[in-house]
């Protein structure tokens, strides 16, 4: 699709997978069923909308059931069993029949993945003519849009640290929901200082609280970007990056510098640090 909108973009990231089965594998999937005779994989037939020329109807139906069960299970595991979804017939050059799995997102149907029964010619060329299989392609941006409630696929191409920093975590199970970033530009200032001498209590959290108390909502991020110990001076140094941004107007660098200077003064007097 060539459209560029909230859910389409010409550049994307995709994970692809293939599942291959031989006759024994196909029939193992029917183990315990009421079927008496084994499933045949191939026949000399003609291509129809629901099957390839060389595949039997039974084999095609089994693969369709398996791929839909597997891929829908993945999506439900990610987003919950109460998800609204639908399968849509589709066309892809390397599979037939083919489908797209769509889910409800922001009141509209959004494609999450494409899949289908692999063209048997590909398996012949790959040296496994005795097998049949199915394939899929998952768009990672679409998964992330739903998972993190990101409203527009174009946001993924932003280099704005206000967006990127929201997804930095050491816990992969942490629930993260996207928070809208101001449309106004950032002002970025660094502050470096020597920590108080041994015996004096200092915590980065104290500095974070100080910055928030002074900058308020104009402070978007505070990050420790560097820390080292000076052997000769026998002192520890911290460097923090403070990102200022208003949600209401363009914050000038002069305005940010004024807040930053106040933070430096208060850090010196209240936390007993020495500005470098």
C-alpha atoms as a PDB file:
ATOM      1  CA  UNK A   1       0.000   0.000   0.000  1.00  0.00           C
ATOM      2  CA  UNK A   2       1.324   3.412  -0.966  1.00  0.00           C
ATOM      3  CA  UNK A   3      -0.752   5.470   1.473  1.00  0.00           C
ATOM      4  CA  UNK A   4       0.957   7.444   4.217  1.00  0.00           C
ATOM      5  CA  UNK A   5      -1.424   7.974   7.085  1.00  0.00           C
ATOM      6  CA  UNK A   6      -1.907   7.027  10.724  1.00  0.00           C
ATOM      7  CA  UNK A   7      -1.620   3.286  10.040  1.00  0.00           C
ATOM      8  CA  UNK A   8       0.326   3.053   6.757  1.00  0.00           C
ATOM      9  CA  UNK A   9       3.906   3.941   5.900  1.00  0.00           C
ATOM     10  CA  UNK A  10       6.090   2.877   2.956  1.00  0.00           C
ATOM     11  CA  UNK A  11       8.965   1.841   5.233  1.00  0.00           C
ATOM     12  CA  UNK A  12       8.407  -0.772   7.926  1.00  0.00           C
ATOM     13  CA  UNK A  13       9.948  -3.614   9.908  1.00  0.00           C
ATOM     14  CA  UNK A  14       8.625  -7.133   9.554  1.00  0.00           C
ATOM     15  CA  UNK A  15       9.186 -10.515  11.165  1.00  0.00           C
ATOM     16  CA  UNK A  16       8.577 -13.454   8.860  1.00  0.00           C
ATOM     17  CA  UNK A  17       8.163 -17.140   9.610  1.00  0.00           C
ATOM     18  CA  UNK A  18       7.534 -20.435   7.858  1.00  0.00           C
ATOM     19  CA  UNK A  19       6.067 -23.703   9.128  1.00  0.00           C
ATOM     20  CA  UNK A  20       6.726 -26.863   7.057  1.00  0.00           C
ATOM     21  CA  UNK A  21       5.098 -30.256   7.478  1.00  0.00           C
ATOM     22  CA  UNK A  22       5.508 -33.597   5.747  1.00  0.00           C
ATOM     23  CA  UNK A  23       2.774 -36.230   5.488  1.00  0.00           C
ATOM     24  CA  UNK A  24       3.627 -37.675   8.908  1.00  0.00           C
ATOM     25  CA  UNK A  25       3.495 -34.219  10.494  1.00  0.00           C
ATOM     26  CA  UNK A  26       0.174 -33.382   8.882  1.00  0.00           C
ATOM     27  CA  UNK A  27      -1.427 -36.615  10.035  1.00  0.00           C
ATOM     28  CA  UNK A  28       0.004 -36.237  13.523  1.00  0.00           C
ATOM     29  CA  UNK A  29      -2.092 -33.069  13.793  1.00  0.00           C
ATOM     30  CA  UNK A  30      -5.173 -35.269  13.310  1.00  0.00           C
ATOM     31  CA  UNK A  31      -4.135 -37.770  15.990  1.00  0.00           C
ATOM     32  CA  UNK A  32      -7.083 -38.552  18.243  1.00  0.00           C
ATOM     33  CA  UNK A  33      -9.664 -37.361  15.705  1.00  0.00           C
ATOM     34  CA  UNK A  34     -12.434 -39.533  14.284  1.00  0.00           C
ATOM     35  CA  UNK A  35     -10.818 -39.672  10.844  1.00  0.00           C
ATOM     36  CA  UNK A  36     -10.049 -43.244   9.705  1.00  0.00           C
ATOM     37  CA  UNK A  37      -7.827 -42.660   6.678  1.00  0.00           C
ATOM     38  CA  UNK A  38      -4.621 -40.624   6.514  1.00  0.00           C
ATOM     39  CA  UNK A  39      -4.647 -37.242   4.815  1.00  0.00           C
ATOM     40  CA  UNK A  40      -3.050 -37.095   1.383  1.00  0.00           C
ATOM     41  CA  UNK A  41      -1.038 -33.945   0.709  1.00  0.00           C
ATOM     42  CA  UNK A  42      -0.949 -33.842  -3.067  1.00  0.00           C
ATOM     43  CA  UNK A  43      -3.199 -34.441  -6.049  1.00  0.00           C
ATOM     44  CA  UNK A  44      -3.250 -33.652  -9.755  1.00  0.00           C
ATOM     45  CA  UNK A  45      -5.909 -30.968  -9.759  1.00  0.00           C
ATOM     46  CA  UNK A  46      -6.557 -27.392 -10.835  1.00  0.00           C
ATOM     47  CA  UNK A  47      -6.022 -24.209  -8.869  1.00  0.00           C
ATOM     48  CA  UNK A  48      -9.123 -22.785  -7.253  1.00  0.00           C
ATOM     49  CA  UNK A  49      -9.746 -19.797  -4.968  1.00  0.00           C
ATOM     50  CA  UNK A  50      -9.535 -22.036  -1.889  1.00  0.00           C
ATOM     51  CA  UNK A  51      -6.583 -24.281  -2.876  1.00  0.00           C
ATOM     52  CA  UNK A  52      -3.529 -24.731  -5.083  1.00  0.00           C
ATOM     53  CA  UNK A  53      -3.530 -27.091  -8.045  1.00  0.00           C
ATOM     54  CA  UNK A  54      -1.300 -29.715  -6.419  1.00  0.00           C
ATOM     55  CA  UNK A  55      -2.755 -29.631  -2.890  1.00  0.00           C
ATOM     56  CA  UNK A  56      -5.661 -31.663  -1.617  1.00  0.00           C
ATOM     57  CA  UNK A  57      -8.596 -29.902   0.002  1.00  0.00           C
ATOM     58  CA  UNK A  58      -8.010 -31.768   3.280  1.00  0.00           C
ATOM     59  CA  UNK A  59      -4.348 -30.739   3.516  1.00  0.00           C
ATOM     60  CA  UNK A  60      -5.181 -27.121   2.670  1.00  0.00           C
ATOM     61  CA  UNK A  61      -7.930 -26.964   5.275  1.00  0.00           C
ATOM     62  CA  UNK A  62      -5.655 -28.403   7.947  1.00  0.00           C
ATOM     63  CA  UNK A  63      -2.928 -25.862   7.206  1.00  0.00           C
ATOM     64  CA  UNK A  64      -5.460 -23.039   7.207  1.00  0.00           C
ATOM     65  CA  UNK A  65      -6.811 -24.137  10.570  1.00  0.00           C
ATOM     66  CA  UNK A  66      -3.333 -24.462  12.058  1.00  0.00           C
ATOM     67  CA  UNK A  67      -1.978 -21.141  10.838  1.00  0.00           C
ATOM     68  CA  UNK A  68      -5.059 -19.201  11.941  1.00  0.00           C
ATOM     69  CA  UNK A  69      -5.111 -20.923  15.323  1.00  0.00           C
ATOM     70  CA  UNK A  70      -1.410 -20.211  15.881  1.00  0.00           C
ATOM     71  CA  UNK A  71      -1.368 -16.587  14.720  1.00  0.00           C
ATOM     72  CA  UNK A  72      -4.634 -15.641  16.405  1.00  0.00           C
ATOM     73  CA  UNK A  73      -3.275 -17.219  19.604  1.00  0.00           C
ATOM     74  CA  UNK A  74      -0.225 -14.971  19.355  1.00  0.00           C
ATOM     75  CA  UNK A  75      -2.299 -11.825  18.898  1.00  0.00           C
ATOM     76  CA  UNK A  76      -4.629 -12.747  21.750  1.00  0.00           C
ATOM     77  CA  UNK A  77      -1.670 -13.447  24.008  1.00  0.00           C
ATOM     78  CA  UNK A  78      -0.344  -9.962  23.280  1.00  0.00           C
ATOM     79  CA  UNK A  79      -3.576  -7.987  23.428  1.00  0.00           C
ATOM     80  CA  UNK A  80      -6.142 -10.070  25.318  1.00  0.00           C
ATOM     81  CA  UNK A  81      -8.762 -12.682  24.481  1.00  0.00           C
ATOM     82  CA  UNK A  82     -11.583 -10.110  24.147  1.00  0.00           C
ATOM     83  CA  UNK A  83      -9.967  -8.644  21.042  1.00  0.00           C
ATOM     84  CA  UNK A  84     -12.200  -7.845  18.059  1.00  0.00           C
ATOM     85  CA  UNK A  85     -10.691  -9.412  14.943  1.00  0.00           C
ATOM     86  CA  UNK A  86     -11.512 -10.653  11.470  1.00  0.00           C
ATOM     87  CA  UNK A  87      -9.813 -12.688   8.734  1.00  0.00           C
ATOM     88  CA  UNK A  88      -9.832 -11.114   5.281  1.00  0.00           C
ATOM     89  CA  UNK A  89      -9.029 -12.883   2.000  1.00  0.00           C
ATOM     90  CA  UNK A  90      -5.893 -11.394   0.454  1.00  0.00           C
ATOM     91  CA  UNK A  91      -3.380 -11.831  -2.348  1.00  0.00           C
ATOM     92  CA  UNK A  92       0.359 -12.378  -1.876  1.00  0.00           C
ATOM     93  CA  UNK A  93       2.604 -13.663  -4.687  1.00  0.00           C
ATOM     94  CA  UNK A  94       4.245 -16.419  -2.649  1.00  0.00           C
ATOM     95  CA  UNK A  95       1.164 -17.894  -0.931  1.00  0.00           C
ATOM     96  CA  UNK A  96      -2.258 -19.203  -1.955  1.00  0.00           C
ATOM     97  CA  UNK A  97      -4.793 -19.026  -0.473  1.00  0.00           C
ATOM     98  CA  UNK A  98      -3.822 -15.954   1.567  1.00  0.00           C
ATOM     99  CA  UNK A  99      -5.338 -13.962   4.409  1.00  0.00           C
ATOM    100  CA  UNK A 100      -4.838 -10.848   6.476  1.00  0.00           C
ATOM    101  CA  UNK A 101      -5.659 -10.669  10.176  1.00  0.00           C
ATOM    102  CA  UNK A 102      -7.242  -7.351  11.124  1.00  0.00           C
ATOM    103  CA  UNK A 103      -8.122  -6.029  14.560  1.00  0.00           C
ATOM    104  CA  UNK A 104     -10.205  -3.131  15.794  1.00  0.00           C
ATOM    105  CA  UNK A 105      -7.999  -0.163  16.756  1.00  0.00           C
ATOM    106  CA  UNK A 106      -9.200   3.389  17.335  1.00  0.00           C
ATOM    107  CA  UNK A 107     -12.567   2.538  15.807  1.00  0.00           C
ATOM    108  CA  UNK A 108     -11.131   1.154  12.571  1.00  0.00           C
ATOM    109  CA  UNK A 109      -9.924  -2.168  11.214  1.00  0.00           C
ATOM    110  CA  UNK A 110      -6.116  -2.339  11.136  1.00  0.00           C
ATOM    111  CA  UNK A 111      -4.096  -5.076   9.459  1.00  0.00           C
ATOM    112  CA  UNK A 112      -1.735  -6.844  11.864  1.00  0.00           C
ATOM    113  CA  UNK A 113      -0.282  -9.589   9.681  1.00  0.00           C
ATOM    114  CA  UNK A 114      -0.462 -11.355   6.352  1.00  0.00           C
ATOM    115  CA  UNK A 115      -0.240 -15.124   5.889  1.00  0.00           C
ATOM    116  CA  UNK A 116      -1.069 -17.994   3.602  1.00  0.00           C
ATOM    117  CA  UNK A 117      -0.290 -21.479   2.273  1.00  0.00           C
ATOM    118  CA  UNK A 118       3.153 -21.451   0.691  1.00  0.00           C
ATOM    119  CA  UNK A 119       3.319 -21.848  -3.079  1.00  0.00           C
ATOM    120  CA  UNK A 120       4.430 -25.423  -3.696  1.00  0.00           C
ATOM    121  CA  UNK A 121       6.797 -24.233  -6.446  1.00  0.00           C
ATOM    122  CA  UNK A 122       8.894 -22.504  -3.765  1.00  0.00           C
ATOM    123  CA  UNK A 123       9.267 -25.736  -1.810  1.00  0.00           C
ATOM    124  CA  UNK A 124      10.250 -27.619  -4.951  1.00  0.00           C
ATOM    125  CA  UNK A 125      12.911 -25.009  -5.654  1.00  0.00           C
ATOM    126  CA  UNK A 126      14.033 -25.187  -2.027  1.00  0.00           C
ATOM    127  CA  UNK A 127      14.633 -28.923  -2.211  1.00  0.00           C
ATOM    128  CA  UNK A 128      11.721 -30.066  -0.019  1.00  0.00           C
ATOM    129  CA  UNK A 129       9.018 -31.069  -2.536  1.00  0.00           C
ATOM    130  CA  UNK A 130       7.568 -33.640  -0.147  1.00  0.00           C
ATOM    131  CA  UNK A 131       6.489 -30.956   2.320  1.00  0.00           C
ATOM    132  CA  UNK A 132       3.759 -28.352   2.476  1.00  0.00           C
ATOM    133  CA  UNK A 133       3.686 -25.301   4.676  1.00  0.00           C
ATOM    134  CA  UNK A 134       2.378 -21.916   5.640  1.00  0.00           C
ATOM    135  CA  UNK A 135       4.091 -18.557   6.049  1.00  0.00           C
ATOM    136  CA  UNK A 136       3.383 -15.229   7.727  1.00  0.00           C
ATOM    137  CA  UNK A 137       4.696 -11.692   8.020  1.00  0.00           C
ATOM    138  CA  UNK A 138       4.148  -9.571  11.151  1.00  0.00           C
ATOM    139  CA  UNK A 139       4.466  -5.789  10.973  1.00  0.00           C
ATOM    140  CA  UNK A 140       6.321  -4.751  14.133  1.00  0.00           C
ATOM    141  CA  UNK A 141       5.112  -1.157  14.035  1.00  0.00           C
ATOM    142  CA  UNK A 142       1.488  -2.280  13.983  1.00  0.00           C
ATOM    143  CA  UNK A 143       2.047  -4.575  16.951  1.00  0.00           C
ATOM    144  CA  UNK A 144       3.719  -1.764  18.885  1.00  0.00           C
ATOM    145  CA  UNK A 145       0.941   0.692  18.002  1.00  0.00           C
ATOM    146  CA  UNK A 146      -1.631  -1.562  19.637  1.00  0.00           C
ATOM    147  CA  UNK A 147       0.596  -2.706  22.498  1.00  0.00           C
ATOM    148  CA  UNK A 148       1.676   0.803  23.572  1.00  0.00           C
ATOM    149  CA  UNK A 149      -1.425   2.704  22.349  1.00  0.00           C
ATOM    150  CA  UNK A 150       0.574   4.749  19.849  1.00  0.00           C
ATOM    151  CA  UNK A 151      -1.918   6.638  17.643  1.00  0.00           C
ATOM    152  CA  UNK A 152       0.167   7.207  14.492  1.00  0.00           C
ATOM    153  CA  UNK A 153       2.658   4.895  12.759  1.00  0.00           C
ATOM    154  CA  UNK A 154       4.727   7.893  11.614  1.00  0.00           C
ATOM    155  CA  UNK A 155       5.750   8.618  15.203  1.00  0.00           C
ATOM    156  CA  UNK A 156       8.105   5.622  15.084  1.00  0.00           C
ATOM    157  CA  UNK A 157      10.454   7.607  12.855  1.00  0.00           C
ATOM    158  CA  UNK A 158      10.802  10.410  15.381  1.00  0.00           C
ATOM    159  CA  UNK A 159      14.225  11.022  16.906  1.00  0.00           C
ATOM    160  CA  UNK A 160      12.625  13.045  19.702  1.00  0.00           C
ATOM    161  CA  UNK A 161      13.979  11.842  23.035  1.00  0.00           C
ATOM    162  CA  UNK A 162      10.619  12.661  24.588  1.00  0.00           C
ATOM    163  CA  UNK A 163       9.220   9.762  22.573  1.00  0.00           C
ATOM    164  CA  UNK A 164      12.201   7.379  22.648  1.00  0.00           C
ATOM    165  CA  UNK A 165      12.793   7.635  26.404  1.00  0.00           C
ATOM    166  CA  UNK A 166       9.301   6.334  27.183  1.00  0.00           C
ATOM    167  CA  UNK A 167      10.295   2.814  26.147  1.00  0.00           C
ATOM    168  CA  UNK A 168      13.557   2.463  28.060  1.00  0.00           C
ATOM    169  CA  UNK A 169      13.093  -0.209  30.723  1.00  0.00           C
ATOM    170  CA  UNK A 170      14.902  -3.173  32.256  1.00  0.00           C
ATOM    171  CA  UNK A 171      11.614  -5.032  32.780  1.00  0.00           C
ATOM    172  CA  UNK A 172      10.128  -6.465  29.582  1.00  0.00           C
ATOM    173  CA  UNK A 173       6.869  -7.137  31.428  1.00  0.00           C
ATOM    174  CA  UNK A 174       6.425  -3.516  32.475  1.00  0.00           C
ATOM    175  CA  UNK A 175       3.192  -2.006  31.174  1.00  0.00           C
ATOM    176  CA  UNK A 176       4.079   1.021  29.055  1.00  0.00           C
ATOM    177  CA  UNK A 177       1.509   3.339  27.487  1.00  0.00           C
ATOM    178  CA  UNK A 178       2.502   6.103  25.110  1.00  0.00           C
ATOM    179  CA  UNK A 179       2.174   9.670  26.357  1.00  0.00           C
ATOM    180  CA  UNK A 180       1.748  12.416  23.798  1.00  0.00           C
ATOM    181  CA  UNK A 181       4.840  14.546  23.248  1.00  0.00           C
ATOM    182  CA  UNK A 182       4.622  18.308  22.904  1.00  0.00           C
ATOM    183  CA  UNK A 183       4.803  19.641  19.336  1.00  0.00           C
ATOM    184  CA  UNK A 184       7.114  22.426  20.500  1.00  0.00           C
ATOM    185  CA  UNK A 185      10.915  22.043  20.341  1.00  0.00           C
ATOM    186  CA  UNK A 186      13.122  20.923  23.211  1.00  0.00           C
ATOM    187  CA  UNK A 187      15.809  22.914  24.972  1.00  0.00           C
ATOM    188  CA  UNK A 188      18.624  20.702  26.271  1.00  0.00           C
ATOM    189  CA  UNK A 189      21.060  21.725  29.004  1.00  0.00           C
ATOM    190  CA  UNK A 190      23.686  19.663  30.827  1.00  0.00           C
ATOM    191  CA  UNK A 191      24.794  20.179  34.391  1.00  0.00           C
ATOM    192  CA  UNK A 192      27.975  18.676  35.878  1.00  0.00           C
ATOM    193  CA  UNK A 193      29.075  18.816  39.474  1.00  0.00           C
ATOM    194  CA  UNK A 194      31.290  17.202  42.073  1.00  0.00           C
ATOM    195  CA  UNK A 195      29.368  15.244  44.661  1.00  0.00           C
ATOM    196  CA  UNK A 196      29.682  16.133  48.339  1.00  0.00           C
ATOM    197  CA  UNK A 197      32.670  14.697  50.175  1.00  0.00           C
ATOM    198  CA  UNK A 198      32.509  11.259  51.768  1.00  0.00           C
ATOM    199  CA  UNK A 199      30.244  11.296  54.793  1.00  0.00           C
ATOM    200  CA  UNK A 200      27.697  13.616  53.196  1.00  0.00           C
ATOM    201  CA  UNK A 201      24.550  11.934  51.934  1.00  0.00           C
ATOM    202  CA  UNK A 202      23.695  12.388  48.266  1.00  0.00           C
ATOM    203  CA  UNK A 203      21.193  10.599  46.034  1.00  0.00           C
ATOM    204  CA  UNK A 204      20.315  11.158  42.399  1.00  0.00           C
ATOM    205  CA  UNK A 205      16.680  11.043  43.449  1.00  0.00           C
ATOM    206  CA  UNK A 206      17.286  14.128  45.580  1.00  0.00           C
ATOM    207  CA  UNK A 207      18.544  15.955  42.499  1.00  0.00           C
ATOM    208  CA  UNK A 208      15.607  14.750  40.409  1.00  0.00           C
ATOM    209  CA  UNK A 209      13.184  16.051  43.055  1.00  0.00           C
ATOM    210  CA  UNK A 210      15.008  19.378  43.160  1.00  0.00           C
ATOM    211  CA  UNK A 211      14.792  19.790  39.380  1.00  0.00           C
ATOM    212  CA  UNK A 212      11.105  18.958  39.340  1.00  0.00           C
ATOM    213  CA  UNK A 213      10.355  21.348  42.180  1.00  0.00           C
ATOM    214  CA  UNK A 214      11.999  24.217  40.291  1.00  0.00           C
ATOM    215  CA  UNK A 215      11.224  23.447  36.654  1.00  0.00           C
ATOM    216  CA  UNK A 216       7.794  21.900  37.142  1.00  0.00           C
ATOM    217  CA  UNK A 217       6.038  20.814  33.957  1.00  0.00           C
ATOM    218  CA  UNK A 218       8.662  22.545  31.814  1.00  0.00           C
ATOM    219  CA  UNK A 219      11.059  19.695  32.658  1.00  0.00           C
ATOM    220  CA  UNK A 220      10.457  16.781  30.309  1.00  0.00           C
ATOM    221  CA  UNK A 221      13.416  14.546  31.196  1.00  0.00           C
ATOM    222  CA  UNK A 222      16.298  14.354  33.649  1.00  0.00           C
ATOM    223  CA  UNK A 223      18.896  11.689  32.855  1.00  0.00           C
ATOM    224  CA  UNK A 224      22.258  10.829  34.411  1.00  0.00           C
ATOM    225  CA  UNK A 225      24.509  10.705  31.334  1.00  0.00           C
ATOM    226  CA  UNK A 226      27.958  10.409  32.912  1.00  0.00           C
ATOM    227  CA  UNK A 227      29.568   9.426  36.210  1.00  0.00           C
ATOM    228  CA  UNK A 228      33.245   9.055  37.075  1.00  0.00           C
ATOM    229  CA  UNK A 229      35.766   9.192  39.923  1.00  0.00           C
ATOM    230  CA  UNK A 230      38.730  11.588  39.738  1.00  0.00           C
ATOM    231  CA  UNK A 231      41.710   9.860  41.312  1.00  0.00           C
ATOM    232  CA  UNK A 232      43.768  13.015  41.825  1.00  0.00           C
ATOM    233  CA  UNK A 233      40.947  15.091  43.314  1.00  0.00           C
ATOM    234  CA  UNK A 234      39.429  12.033  45.001  1.00  0.00           C
ATOM    235  CA  UNK A 235      35.983  13.217  44.035  1.00  0.00           C
ATOM    236  CA  UNK A 236      32.983  11.720  42.286  1.00  0.00           C
ATOM    237  CA  UNK A 237      31.379  13.596  39.429  1.00  0.00           C
ATOM    238  CA  UNK A 238      27.895  13.383  37.948  1.00  0.00           C
ATOM    239  CA  UNK A 239      26.620  14.890  34.716  1.00  0.00           C
ATOM    240  CA  UNK A 240      22.876  15.163  34.119  1.00  0.00           C
ATOM    241  CA  UNK A 241      21.039  16.084  30.940  1.00  0.00           C
ATOM    242  CA  UNK A 242      17.903  18.142  31.518  1.00  0.00           C
ATOM    243  CA  UNK A 243      15.391  18.470  28.693  1.00  0.00           C
ATOM    244  CA  UNK A 244      13.047  21.453  28.913  1.00  0.00           C
ATOM    245  CA  UNK A 245       9.908  21.758  26.801  1.00  0.00           C
ATOM    246  CA  UNK A 246       6.590  23.541  27.111  1.00  0.00           C
ATOM    247  CA  UNK A 247       3.308  21.991  26.053  1.00  0.00           C
ATOM    248  CA  UNK A 248       1.836  25.432  25.385  1.00  0.00           C
ATOM    249  CA  UNK A 249       4.442  27.457  23.485  1.00  0.00           C
ATOM    250  CA  UNK A 250       7.964  27.491  22.113  1.00  0.00           C
ATOM    251  CA  UNK A 251      10.316  27.727  25.064  1.00  0.00           C
ATOM    252  CA  UNK A 252      13.297  29.928  24.235  1.00  0.00           C
ATOM    253  CA  UNK A 253      16.822  28.887  25.149  1.00  0.00           C
ATOM    254  CA  UNK A 254      17.101  32.028  27.287  1.00  0.00           C
ATOM    255  CA  UNK A 255      14.061  30.961  29.319  1.00  0.00           C
ATOM    256  CA  UNK A 256      15.499  27.473  29.734  1.00  0.00           C
ATOM    257  CA  UNK A 257      18.876  28.913  30.764  1.00  0.00           C
ATOM    258  CA  UNK A 258      17.203  30.990  33.471  1.00  0.00           C
ATOM    259  CA  UNK A 259      15.542  27.903  34.975  1.00  0.00           C
ATOM    260  CA  UNK A 260      18.785  25.973  34.607  1.00  0.00           C
ATOM    261  CA  UNK A 261      20.764  28.623  36.462  1.00  0.00           C
ATOM    262  CA  UNK A 262      18.280  28.517  39.315  1.00  0.00           C
ATOM    263  CA  UNK A 263      18.689  24.732  39.491  1.00  0.00           C
ATOM    264  CA  UNK A 264      22.476  25.110  39.662  1.00  0.00           C
ATOM    265  CA  UNK A 265      22.210  27.601  42.518  1.00  0.00           C
ATOM    266  CA  UNK A 266      19.758  25.474  44.489  1.00  0.00           C
ATOM    267  CA  UNK A 267      21.751  22.293  43.927  1.00  0.00           C
ATOM    268  CA  UNK A 268      24.825  24.047  45.340  1.00  0.00           C
ATOM    269  CA  UNK A 269      23.081  25.387  48.421  1.00  0.00           C
ATOM    270  CA  UNK A 270      20.729  22.522  49.219  1.00  0.00           C
ATOM    271  CA  UNK A 271      22.608  19.427  48.042  1.00  0.00           C
ATOM    272  CA  UNK A 272      26.122  20.768  48.788  1.00  0.00           C
ATOM    273  CA  UNK A 273      27.441  19.886  45.341  1.00  0.00           C
ATOM    274  CA  UNK A 274      30.121  21.863  43.501  1.00  0.00           C
ATOM    275  CA  UNK A 275      29.277  22.945  39.951  1.00  0.00           C
ATOM    276  CA  UNK A 276      32.044  22.097  37.517  1.00  0.00           C
END
